[in-house]
Amino acid sequence: MYIYNVTINIQEDIHDEWVEWMKNEHIPDMLNTGKFIKALMTRVMVKEEMGGVTYSVQYTAESKQMLQRYYEEDAATLRSKTAPFEGKFVAFRTELEVITEQ
């Protein structure tokens, strides 16, 4: 299994609206691609020097091929939907390969 991890720092003035959008629109849209089997949204418990609130959202894919299909078929469209929050967040993405789950 693979985890597509997106870490986002969102400005406090748009925070509440963004969290609702993530929970009610973006995460469901990601799952509705059929590329991911589950999603986990967590708050990073660190006070950032730059301010804002940081989250990690982890989307689990069954295979590297499924994750690649997401990049090819869905990523651009779904990322474009972040436009209302443009300039109000910083994000970085990482891929994680699950070695063991106990």
PDB file of N, CA and C in Angstrom:
ATOM      1  N   MET A   1       0.837  -1.172   0.000  1.00  0.00           N
ATOM      2  CA  MET A   1       0.000   0.000   0.000  1.00  0.00           C
ATOM      3  C   MET A   1       0.886   1.241   0.000  1.00  0.00           C
ATOM      4  N   TYR A   2       0.291   2.326  -0.496  1.00  0.00           N
ATOM      5  CA  TYR A   2       0.984   3.608  -0.556  1.00  0.00           C
ATOM      6  C   TYR A   2       0.117   4.676   0.089  1.00  0.00           C
ATOM      7  N   ILE A   3       0.773   5.620   0.726  1.00  0.00           N
ATOM      8  CA  ILE A   3       0.073   6.759   1.305  1.00  0.00           C
ATOM      9  C   ILE A   3       0.541   8.008   0.572  1.00  0.00           C
ATOM     10  N   TYR A   4      -0.423   8.756   0.094  1.00  0.00           N
ATOM     11  CA  TYR A   4      -0.179  10.057  -0.504  1.00  0.00           C
ATOM     12  C   TYR A   4      -0.441  11.061   0.603  1.00  0.00           C
ATOM     13  N   ASN A   5       0.627  11.653   1.129  1.00  0.00           N
ATOM     14  CA  ASN A   5       0.535  12.553   2.265  1.00  0.00           C
ATOM     15  C   ASN A   5       0.643  13.997   1.788  1.00  0.00           C
ATOM     16  N   VAL A   6      -0.329  14.812   2.184  1.00  0.00           N
ATOM     17  CA  VAL A   6      -0.301  16.233   1.867  1.00  0.00           C
ATOM     18  C   VAL A   6      -0.265  16.989   3.188  1.00  0.00           C
ATOM     19  N   THR A   7       0.811  17.744   3.403  1.00  0.00           N
ATOM     20  CA  THR A   7       0.942  18.563   4.603  1.00  0.00           C
ATOM     21  C   THR A   7       0.653  20.000   4.206  1.00  0.00           C
ATOM     22  N   ILE A   8      -0.268  20.620   4.914  1.00  0.00           N
ATOM     23  CA  ILE A   8      -0.737  21.951   4.563  1.00  0.00           C
ATOM     24  C   ILE A   8      -0.679  22.858   5.786  1.00  0.00           C
ATOM     25  N   ASN A   9      -0.142  24.060   5.591  1.00  0.00           N
ATOM     26  CA  ASN A   9      -0.232  25.107   6.603  1.00  0.00           C
ATOM     27  C   ASN A   9      -1.200  26.145   6.062  1.00  0.00           C
ATOM     28  N   ILE A  10      -2.295  26.360   6.769  1.00  0.00           N
ATOM     29  CA  ILE A  10      -3.356  27.269   6.333  1.00  0.00           C
ATOM     30  C   ILE A  10      -3.397  28.496   7.256  1.00  0.00           C
ATOM     31  N   GLN A  11      -3.561  29.654   6.654  1.00  0.00           N
ATOM     32  CA  GLN A  11      -3.638  30.881   7.448  1.00  0.00           C
ATOM     33  C   GLN A  11      -4.863  30.849   8.359  1.00  0.00           C
ATOM     34  N   GLU A  12      -4.714  31.449   9.520  1.00  0.00           N
ATOM     35  CA  GLU A  12      -5.775  31.403  10.523  1.00  0.00           C
ATOM     36  C   GLU A  12      -7.040  32.126  10.083  1.00  0.00           C
ATOM     37  N   ASP A  13      -6.933  33.178   9.261  1.00  0.00           N
ATOM     38  CA  ASP A  13      -8.123  33.943   8.879  1.00  0.00           C
ATOM     39  C   ASP A  13      -9.067  33.164   7.957  1.00  0.00           C
ATOM     40  N   ILE A  14      -8.587  32.106   7.326  1.00  0.00           N
ATOM     41  CA  ILE A  14      -9.410  31.302   6.415  1.00  0.00           C
ATOM     42  C   ILE A  14      -9.554  29.867   6.935  1.00  0.00           C
ATOM     43  N   HIS A  15      -8.942  29.586   8.079  1.00  0.00           N
ATOM     44  CA  HIS A  15      -8.844  28.242   8.635  1.00  0.00           C
ATOM     45  C   HIS A  15     -10.182  27.505   8.729  1.00  0.00           C
ATOM     46  N   ASP A  16     -11.171  28.102   9.383  1.00  0.00           N
ATOM     47  CA  ASP A  16     -12.434  27.393   9.626  1.00  0.00           C
ATOM     48  C   ASP A  16     -13.133  27.033   8.312  1.00  0.00           C
ATOM     49  N   GLU A  17     -13.147  27.966   7.379  1.00  0.00           N
ATOM     50  CA  GLU A  17     -13.767  27.714   6.077  1.00  0.00           C
ATOM     51  C   GLU A  17     -13.033  26.591   5.340  1.00  0.00           C
ATOM     52  N   TRP A  18     -11.696  26.606   5.415  1.00  0.00           N
ATOM     53  CA  TRP A  18     -10.884  25.599   4.741  1.00  0.00           C
ATOM     54  C   TRP A  18     -11.132  24.204   5.337  1.00  0.00           C
ATOM     55  N   VAL A  19     -11.197  24.109   6.669  1.00  0.00           N
ATOM     56  CA  VAL A  19     -11.430  22.810   7.317  1.00  0.00           C
ATOM     57  C   VAL A  19     -12.773  22.242   6.867  1.00  0.00           C
ATOM     58  N   GLU A  20     -13.806  23.060   6.833  1.00  0.00           N
ATOM     59  CA  GLU A  20     -15.122  22.594   6.377  1.00  0.00           C
ATOM     60  C   GLU A  20     -15.062  22.144   4.919  1.00  0.00           C
ATOM     61  N   TRP A  21     -14.365  22.901   4.086  1.00  0.00           N
ATOM     62  CA  TRP A  21     -14.209  22.540   2.675  1.00  0.00           C
ATOM     63  C   TRP A  21     -13.475  21.205   2.542  1.00  0.00           C
ATOM     64  N   MET A  22     -12.427  21.021   3.323  1.00  0.00           N
ATOM     65  CA  MET A  22     -11.687  19.748   3.278  1.00  0.00           C
ATOM     66  C   MET A  22     -12.598  18.590   3.666  1.00  0.00           C
ATOM     67  N   LYS A  23     -13.312  18.726   4.774  1.00  0.00           N
ATOM     68  CA  LYS A  23     -14.138  17.638   5.283  1.00  0.00           C
ATOM     69  C   LYS A  23     -15.331  17.332   4.382  1.00  0.00           C
ATOM     70  N   ASN A  24     -15.956  18.367   3.845  1.00  0.00           N
ATOM     71  CA  ASN A  24     -17.209  18.189   3.118  1.00  0.00           C
ATOM     72  C   ASN A  24     -17.081  18.137   1.604  1.00  0.00           C
ATOM     73  N   GLU A  25     -15.952  18.624   1.052  1.00  0.00           N
ATOM     74  CA  GLU A  25     -15.794  18.639  -0.394  1.00  0.00           C
ATOM     75  C   GLU A  25     -14.523  17.936  -0.877  1.00  0.00           C
ATOM     76  N   HIS A  26     -13.378  18.448  -0.442  1.00  0.00           N
ATOM     77  CA  HIS A  26     -12.129  17.955  -1.041  1.00  0.00           C
ATOM     78  C   HIS A  26     -11.837  16.486  -0.730  1.00  0.00           C
ATOM     79  N   ILE A  27     -11.884  16.112   0.528  1.00  0.00           N
ATOM     80  CA  ILE A  27     -11.600  14.710   0.865  1.00  0.00           C
ATOM     81  C   ILE A  27     -12.622  13.779   0.209  1.00  0.00           C
ATOM     82  N   PRO A  28     -13.930  14.085   0.262  1.00  0.00           N
ATOM     83  CA  PRO A  28     -14.872  13.232  -0.478  1.00  0.00           C
ATOM     84  C   PRO A  28     -14.575  13.177  -1.977  1.00  0.00           C
ATOM     85  N   ASP A  29     -14.185  14.313  -2.579  1.00  0.00           N
ATOM     86  CA  ASP A  29     -13.817  14.305  -4.001  1.00  0.00           C
ATOM     87  C   ASP A  29     -12.622  13.391  -4.263  1.00  0.00           C
ATOM     88  N   MET A  30     -11.631  13.437  -3.374  1.00  0.00           N
ATOM     89  CA  MET A  30     -10.460  12.567  -3.521  1.00  0.00           C
ATOM     90  C   MET A  30     -10.876  11.100  -3.452  1.00  0.00           C
ATOM     91  N   LEU A  31     -11.701  10.753  -2.494  1.00  0.00           N
ATOM     92  CA  LEU A  31     -12.142   9.370  -2.347  1.00  0.00           C
ATOM     93  C   LEU A  31     -13.023   8.941  -3.525  1.00  0.00           C
ATOM     94  N   ASN A  32     -13.797   9.869  -4.057  1.00  0.00           N
ATOM     95  CA  ASN A  32     -14.680   9.555  -5.179  1.00  0.00           C
ATOM     96  C   ASN A  32     -13.936   9.305  -6.486  1.00  0.00           C
ATOM     97  N   THR A  33     -12.631   9.593  -6.520  1.00  0.00           N
ATOM     98  CA  THR A  33     -11.854   9.245  -7.721  1.00  0.00           C
ATOM     99  C   THR A  33     -11.740   7.732  -7.863  1.00  0.00           C
ATOM    100  N   GLY A  34     -11.929   7.014  -6.762  1.00  0.00           N
ATOM    101  CA  GLY A  34     -11.764   5.567  -6.778  1.00  0.00           C
ATOM    102  C   GLY A  34     -10.317   5.129  -6.674  1.00  0.00           C
ATOM    103  N   LYS A  35      -9.410   6.082  -6.495  1.00  0.00           N
ATOM    104  CA  LYS A  35      -7.981   5.754  -6.423  1.00  0.00           C
ATOM    105  C   LYS A  35      -7.513   5.487  -4.996  1.00  0.00           C
ATOM    106  N   PHE A  36      -8.299   5.927  -4.010  1.00  0.00           N
ATOM    107  CA  PHE A  36      -7.904   5.815  -2.609  1.00  0.00           C
ATOM    108  C   PHE A  36      -8.963   5.046  -1.835  1.00  0.00           C
ATOM    109  N   ILE A  37      -8.507   4.270  -0.855  1.00  0.00           N
ATOM    110  CA  ILE A  37      -9.441   3.453  -0.089  1.00  0.00           C
ATOM    111  C   ILE A  37      -9.836   4.099   1.235  1.00  0.00           C
ATOM    112  N   LYS A  38      -9.041   5.069   1.692  1.00  0.00           N
ATOM    113  CA  LYS A  38      -9.392   5.786   2.914  1.00  0.00           C
ATOM    114  C   LYS A  38      -8.575   7.067   2.998  1.00  0.00           C
ATOM    115  N   ALA A  39      -9.021   7.958   3.885  1.00  0.00           N
ATOM    116  CA  ALA A  39      -8.317   9.213   4.119  1.00  0.00           C
ATOM    117  C   ALA A  39      -8.301   9.493   5.613  1.00  0.00           C
ATOM    118  N   LEU A  40      -7.231  10.101   6.067  1.00  0.00           N
ATOM    119  CA  LEU A  40      -7.072  10.460   7.468  1.00  0.00           C
ATOM    120  C   LEU A  40      -6.564  11.895   7.518  1.00  0.00           C
ATOM    121  N   MET A  41      -7.301  12.774   8.192  1.00  0.00           N
ATOM    122  CA  MET A  41      -6.891  14.167   8.349  1.00  0.00           C
ATOM    123  C   MET A  41      -6.499  14.386   9.794  1.00  0.00           C
ATOM    124  N   THR A  42      -5.272  14.874  10.008  1.00  0.00           N
ATOM    125  CA  THR A  42      -4.784  15.107  11.359  1.00  0.00           C
ATOM    126  C   THR A  42      -4.220  16.512  11.470  1.00  0.00           C
ATOM    127  N   ARG A  43      -4.294  17.053  12.659  1.00  0.00           N
ATOM    128  CA  ARG A  43      -3.700  18.361  12.932  1.00  0.00           C
ATOM    129  C   ARG A  43      -2.305  18.133  13.479  1.00  0.00           C
ATOM    130  N   VAL A  44      -1.338  18.839  12.954  1.00  0.00           N
ATOM    131  CA  VAL A  44       0.042  18.741  13.422  1.00  0.00           C
ATOM    132  C   VAL A  44       0.163  19.615  14.668  1.00  0.00           C
ATOM    133  N   MET A  45       0.575  19.009  15.753  1.00  0.00           N
ATOM    134  CA  MET A  45       0.593  19.689  17.044  1.00  0.00           C
ATOM    135  C   MET A  45       1.912  20.419  17.279  1.00  0.00           C
ATOM    136  N   VAL A  46       2.217  21.340  16.366  1.00  0.00           N
ATOM    137  CA  VAL A  46       3.423  22.154  16.456  1.00  0.00           C
ATOM    138  C   VAL A  46       3.018  23.593  16.185  1.00  0.00           C
ATOM    139  N   LYS A  47       3.540  24.514  16.970  1.00  0.00           N
ATOM    140  CA  LYS A  47       3.281  25.918  16.713  1.00  0.00           C
ATOM    141  C   LYS A  47       4.324  26.404  15.708  1.00  0.00           C
ATOM    142  N   GLU A  48       3.849  26.782  14.533  1.00  0.00           N
ATOM    143  CA  GLU A  48       4.739  27.211  13.458  1.00  0.00           C
ATOM    144  C   GLU A  48       5.193  28.654  13.657  1.00  0.00           C
ATOM    145  N   GLU A  49       6.476  28.911  13.421  1.00  0.00           N
ATOM    146  CA  GLU A  49       6.993  30.273  13.501  1.00  0.00           C
ATOM    147  C   GLU A  49       6.289  31.197  12.515  1.00  0.00           C
ATOM    148  N   MET A  50       5.926  30.666  11.360  1.00  0.00           N
ATOM    149  CA  MET A  50       5.284  31.473  10.328  1.00  0.00           C
ATOM    150  C   MET A  50       3.806  31.698  10.612  1.00  0.00           C
ATOM    151  N   GLY A  51       3.280  31.073  11.676  1.00  0.00           N
ATOM    152  CA  GLY A  51       1.866  31.194  11.997  1.00  0.00           C
ATOM    153  C   GLY A  51       1.058  30.149  11.256  1.00  0.00           C
ATOM    154  N   GLY A  52      -0.242  30.311  11.289  1.00  0.00           N
ATOM    155  CA  GLY A  52      -1.111  29.361  10.625  1.00  0.00           C
ATOM    156  C   GLY A  52      -1.284  28.087  11.425  1.00  0.00           C
ATOM    157  N   VAL A  53      -2.062  27.191  10.849  1.00  0.00           N
ATOM    158  CA  VAL A  53      -2.344  25.889  11.460  1.00  0.00           C
ATOM    159  C   VAL A  53      -1.951  24.829  10.443  1.00  0.00           C
ATOM    160  N   THR A  54      -1.256  23.797  10.888  1.00  0.00           N
ATOM    161  CA  THR A  54      -0.746  22.779   9.981  1.00  0.00           C
ATOM    162  C   THR A  54      -1.514  21.478  10.141  1.00  0.00           C
ATOM    163  N   TYR A  55      -1.808  20.864   8.990  1.00  0.00           N
ATOM    164  CA  TYR A  55      -2.510  19.585   8.929  1.00  0.00           C
ATOM    165  C   TYR A  55      -1.748  18.620   8.045  1.00  0.00           C
ATOM    166  N   SER A  56      -1.938  17.347   8.318  1.00  0.00           N
ATOM    167  CA  SER A  56      -1.464  16.282   7.443  1.00  0.00           C
ATOM    168  C   SER A  56      -2.687  15.484   7.019  1.00  0.00           C
ATOM    169  N   VAL A  57      -2.842  15.328   5.704  1.00  0.00           N
ATOM    170  CA  VAL A  57      -3.945  14.522   5.184  1.00  0.00           C
ATOM    171  C   VAL A  57      -3.325  13.351   4.437  1.00  0.00           C
ATOM    172  N   GLN A  58      -3.682  12.150   4.857  1.00  0.00           N
ATOM    173  CA  GLN A  58      -3.110  10.942   4.278  1.00  0.00           C
ATOM    174  C   GLN A  58      -4.181  10.157   3.537  1.00  0.00           C
ATOM    175  N   TYR A  59      -3.924   9.950   2.250  1.00  0.00           N
ATOM    176  CA  TYR A  59      -4.836   9.191   1.389  1.00  0.00           C
ATOM    177  C   TYR A  59      -4.160   7.864   1.083  1.00  0.00           C
ATOM    178  N   THR A  60      -4.814   6.752   1.368  1.00  0.00           N
ATOM    179  CA  THR A  60      -4.233   5.431   1.178  1.00  0.00           C
ATOM    180  C   THR A  60      -4.662   4.849  -0.165  1.00  0.00           C
ATOM    181  N   ALA A  61      -3.668   4.441  -0.962  1.00  0.00           N
ATOM    182  CA  ALA A  61      -3.896   3.782  -2.252  1.00  0.00           C
ATOM    183  C   ALA A  61      -3.414   2.340  -2.153  1.00  0.00           C
ATOM    184  N   GLU A  62      -4.086   1.442  -2.859  1.00  0.00           N
ATOM    185  CA  GLU A  62      -3.710   0.030  -2.784  1.00  0.00           C
ATOM    186  C   GLU A  62      -2.388  -0.272  -3.481  1.00  0.00           C
ATOM    187  N   SER A  63      -2.000   0.564  -4.466  1.00  0.00           N
ATOM    188  CA  SER A  63      -0.778   0.279  -5.217  1.00  0.00           C
ATOM    189  C   SER A  63      -0.168   1.568  -5.752  1.00  0.00           C
ATOM    190  N   LYS A  64       1.097   1.477  -6.118  1.00  0.00           N
ATOM    191  CA  LYS A  64       1.798   2.595  -6.757  1.00  0.00           C
ATOM    192  C   LYS A  64       1.108   2.944  -8.079  1.00  0.00           C
ATOM    193  N   GLN A  65       0.616   1.952  -8.783  1.00  0.00           N
ATOM    194  CA  GLN A  65      -0.067   2.181 -10.052  1.00  0.00           C
ATOM    195  C   GLN A  65      -1.346   3.000  -9.855  1.00  0.00           C
ATOM    196  N   MET A  66      -2.071   2.733  -8.788  1.00  0.00           N
ATOM    197  CA  MET A  66      -3.291   3.490  -8.509  1.00  0.00           C
ATOM    198  C   MET A  66      -2.948   4.934  -8.174  1.00  0.00           C
ATOM    199  N   LEU A  67      -1.879   5.142  -7.442  1.00  0.00           N
ATOM    200  CA  LEU A  67      -1.436   6.495  -7.128  1.00  0.00           C
ATOM    201  C   LEU A  67      -1.012   7.225  -8.403  1.00  0.00           C
ATOM    202  N   GLN A  68      -0.319   6.527  -9.276  1.00  0.00           N
ATOM    203  CA  GLN A  68       0.090   7.114 -10.556  1.00  0.00           C
ATOM    204  C   GLN A  68      -1.130   7.494 -11.395  1.00  0.00           C
ATOM    205  N   ARG A  69      -2.142   6.662 -11.385  1.00  0.00           N
ATOM    206  CA  ARG A  69      -3.378   6.987 -12.111  1.00  0.00           C
ATOM    207  C   ARG A  69      -4.021   8.246 -11.554  1.00  0.00           C
ATOM    208  N   TYR A  70      -3.968   8.428 -10.234  1.00  0.00           N
ATOM    209  CA  TYR A  70      -4.488   9.663  -9.636  1.00  0.00           C
ATOM    210  C   TYR A  70      -3.747  10.867 -10.214  1.00  0.00           C
ATOM    211  N   TYR A  71      -2.415  10.795 -10.242  1.00  0.00           N
ATOM    212  CA  TYR A  71      -1.628  11.910 -10.790  1.00  0.00           C
ATOM    213  C   TYR A  71      -2.030  12.210 -12.229  1.00  0.00           C
ATOM    214  N   GLU A  72      -2.171  11.174 -13.016  1.00  0.00           N
ATOM    215  CA  GLU A  72      -2.452  11.341 -14.447  1.00  0.00           C
ATOM    216  C   GLU A  72      -3.893  11.769 -14.734  1.00  0.00           C
ATOM    217  N   GLU A  73      -4.845  11.273 -13.972  1.00  0.00           N
ATOM    218  CA  GLU A  73      -6.253  11.461 -14.295  1.00  0.00           C
ATOM    219  C   GLU A  73      -6.979  12.506 -13.460  1.00  0.00           C
ATOM    220  N   ASP A  74      -6.523  12.764 -12.235  1.00  0.00           N
ATOM    221  CA  ASP A  74      -7.329  13.569 -11.312  1.00  0.00           C
ATOM    222  C   ASP A  74      -6.607  14.734 -10.642  1.00  0.00           C
ATOM    223  N   ALA A  75      -5.300  14.639 -10.479  1.00  0.00           N
ATOM    224  CA  ALA A  75      -4.579  15.613  -9.648  1.00  0.00           C
ATOM    225  C   ALA A  75      -4.783  17.054 -10.108  1.00  0.00           C
ATOM    226  N   ALA A  76      -4.622  17.325 -11.380  1.00  0.00           N
ATOM    227  CA  ALA A  76      -4.727  18.711 -11.863  1.00  0.00           C
ATOM    228  C   ALA A  76      -6.107  19.293 -11.589  1.00  0.00           C
ATOM    229  N   THR A  77      -7.140  18.523 -11.848  1.00  0.00           N
ATOM    230  CA  THR A  77      -8.508  19.001 -11.638  1.00  0.00           C
ATOM    231  C   THR A  77      -8.762  19.284 -10.162  1.00  0.00           C
ATOM    232  N   LEU A  78      -8.381  18.361  -9.297  1.00  0.00           N
ATOM    233  CA  LEU A  78      -8.650  18.536  -7.876  1.00  0.00           C
ATOM    234  C   LEU A  78      -7.802  19.652  -7.272  1.00  0.00           C
ATOM    235  N   ARG A  79      -6.565  19.787  -7.707  1.00  0.00           N
ATOM    236  CA  ARG A  79      -5.728  20.878  -7.201  1.00  0.00           C
ATOM    237  C   ARG A  79      -6.266  22.227  -7.643  1.00  0.00           C
ATOM    238  N   SER A  80      -6.884  22.305  -8.817  1.00  0.00           N
ATOM    239  CA  SER A  80      -7.430  23.577  -9.300  1.00  0.00           C
ATOM    240  C   SER A  80      -8.584  24.066  -8.424  1.00  0.00           C
ATOM    241  N   LYS A  81      -9.217  23.160  -7.712  1.00  0.00           N
ATOM    242  CA  LYS A  81     -10.342  23.527  -6.853  1.00  0.00           C
ATOM    243  C   LYS A  81      -9.898  24.226  -5.566  1.00  0.00           C
ATOM    244  N   THR A  82      -8.588  24.320  -5.340  1.00  0.00           N
ATOM    245  CA  THR A  82      -8.080  25.043  -4.168  1.00  0.00           C
ATOM    246  C   THR A  82      -8.002  26.542  -4.431  1.00  0.00           C
ATOM    247  N   ALA A  83      -8.389  26.991  -5.618  1.00  0.00           N
ATOM    248  CA  ALA A  83      -8.279  28.405  -6.018  1.00  0.00           C
ATOM    249  C   ALA A  83      -8.843  29.393  -4.996  1.00  0.00           C
ATOM    250  N   PRO A  84      -9.986  29.114  -4.346  1.00  0.00           N
ATOM    251  CA  PRO A  84     -10.496  30.089  -3.361  1.00  0.00           C
ATOM    252  C   PRO A  84      -9.544  30.349  -2.189  1.00  0.00           C
ATOM    253  N   PHE A  85      -8.599  29.443  -1.976  1.00  0.00           N
ATOM    254  CA  PHE A  85      -7.668  29.564  -0.855  1.00  0.00           C
ATOM    255  C   PHE A  85      -6.261  29.964  -1.315  1.00  0.00           C
ATOM    256  N   GLU A  86      -6.111  30.251  -2.584  1.00  0.00           N
ATOM    257  CA  GLU A  86      -4.795  30.563  -3.151  1.00  0.00           C
ATOM    258  C   GLU A  86      -4.138  31.720  -2.401  1.00  0.00           C
ATOM    259  N   GLY A  87      -2.855  31.527  -2.113  1.00  0.00           N
ATOM    260  CA  GLY A  87      -2.099  32.539  -1.391  1.00  0.00           C
ATOM    261  C   GLY A  87      -2.302  32.493   0.114  1.00  0.00           C
ATOM    262  N   LYS A  88      -3.165  31.590   0.572  1.00  0.00           N
ATOM    263  CA  LYS A  88      -3.477  31.496   2.008  1.00  0.00           C
ATOM    264  C   LYS A  88      -2.949  30.206   2.628  1.00  0.00           C
ATOM    265  N   PHE A  89      -2.255  29.390   1.828  1.00  0.00           N
ATOM    266  CA  PHE A  89      -1.736  28.134   2.357  1.00  0.00           C
ATOM    267  C   PHE A  89      -0.426  27.769   1.660  1.00  0.00           C
ATOM    268  N   VAL A  90       0.306  26.914   2.332  1.00  0.00           N
ATOM    269  CA  VAL A  90       1.512  26.303   1.774  1.00  0.00           C
ATOM    270  C   VAL A  90       1.316  24.808   1.920  1.00  0.00           C
ATOM    271  N   ALA A  91       1.625  24.055   0.862  1.00  0.00           N
ATOM    272  CA  ALA A  91       1.450  22.603   0.918  1.00  0.00           C
ATOM    273  C   ALA A  91       2.670  21.901   0.348  1.00  0.00           C
ATOM    274  N   PHE A  92       2.977  20.755   0.900  1.00  0.00           N
ATOM    275  CA  PHE A  92       3.955  19.875   0.255  1.00  0.00           C
ATOM    276  C   PHE A  92       3.440  18.454   0.340  1.00  0.00           C
ATOM    277  N   ARG A  93       3.819  17.695  -0.672  1.00  0.00           N
ATOM    278  CA  ARG A  93       3.293  16.341  -0.840  1.00  0.00           C
ATOM    279  C   ARG A  93       4.423  15.323  -0.783  1.00  0.00           C
ATOM    280  N   THR A  94       4.137  14.194  -0.150  1.00  0.00           N
ATOM    281  CA  THR A  94       5.099  13.094  -0.104  1.00  0.00           C
ATOM    282  C   THR A  94       4.368  11.786  -0.340  1.00  0.00           C
ATOM    283  N   GLU A  95       5.106  10.834  -0.884  1.00  0.00           N
ATOM    284  CA  GLU A  95       4.586   9.475  -1.051  1.00  0.00           C
ATOM    285  C   GLU A  95       5.256   8.606  -0.021  1.00  0.00           C
ATOM    286  N   LEU A  96       4.456   7.779   0.625  1.00  0.00           N
ATOM    287  CA  LEU A  96       4.967   6.863   1.633  1.00  0.00           C
ATOM    288  C   LEU A  96       4.597   5.445   1.248  1.00  0.00           C
ATOM    289  N   GLU A  97       5.540   4.536   1.320  1.00  0.00           N
ATOM    290  CA  GLU A  97       5.251   3.139   1.074  1.00  0.00           C
ATOM    291  C   GLU A  97       5.056   2.452   2.420  1.00  0.00           C
ATOM    292  N   VAL A  98       3.929   1.784   2.597  1.00  0.00           N
ATOM    293  CA  VAL A  98       3.643   1.078   3.837  1.00  0.00           C
ATOM    294  C   VAL A  98       4.457  -0.210   3.848  1.00  0.00           C
ATOM    295  N   ILE A  99       5.274  -0.372   4.859  1.00  0.00           N
ATOM    296  CA  ILE A  99       6.100  -1.566   4.997  1.00  0.00           C
ATOM    297  C   ILE A  99       5.390  -2.594   5.879  1.00  0.00           C
ATOM    298  N   THR A 100       4.853  -2.127   6.995  1.00  0.00           N
ATOM    299  CA  THR A 100       4.121  -3.013   7.885  1.00  0.00           C
ATOM    300  C   THR A 100       3.058  -2.213   8.617  1.00  0.00           C
ATOM    301  N   GLU A 101       1.959  -2.866   8.901  1.00  0.00           N
ATOM    302  CA  GLU A 101       0.902  -2.262   9.704  1.00  0.00           C
ATOM    303  C   GLU A 101       0.505  -3.285  10.750  1.00  0.00           C
ATOM    304  N   GLN A 102       0.596  -2.915  12.026  1.00  0.00           N
ATOM    305  CA  GLN A 102       0.374  -3.889  13.080  1.00  0.00           C
ATOM    306  C   GLN A 102      -0.742  -3.472  13.994  1.00  0.00           C
TER     307      GLN A 102
END
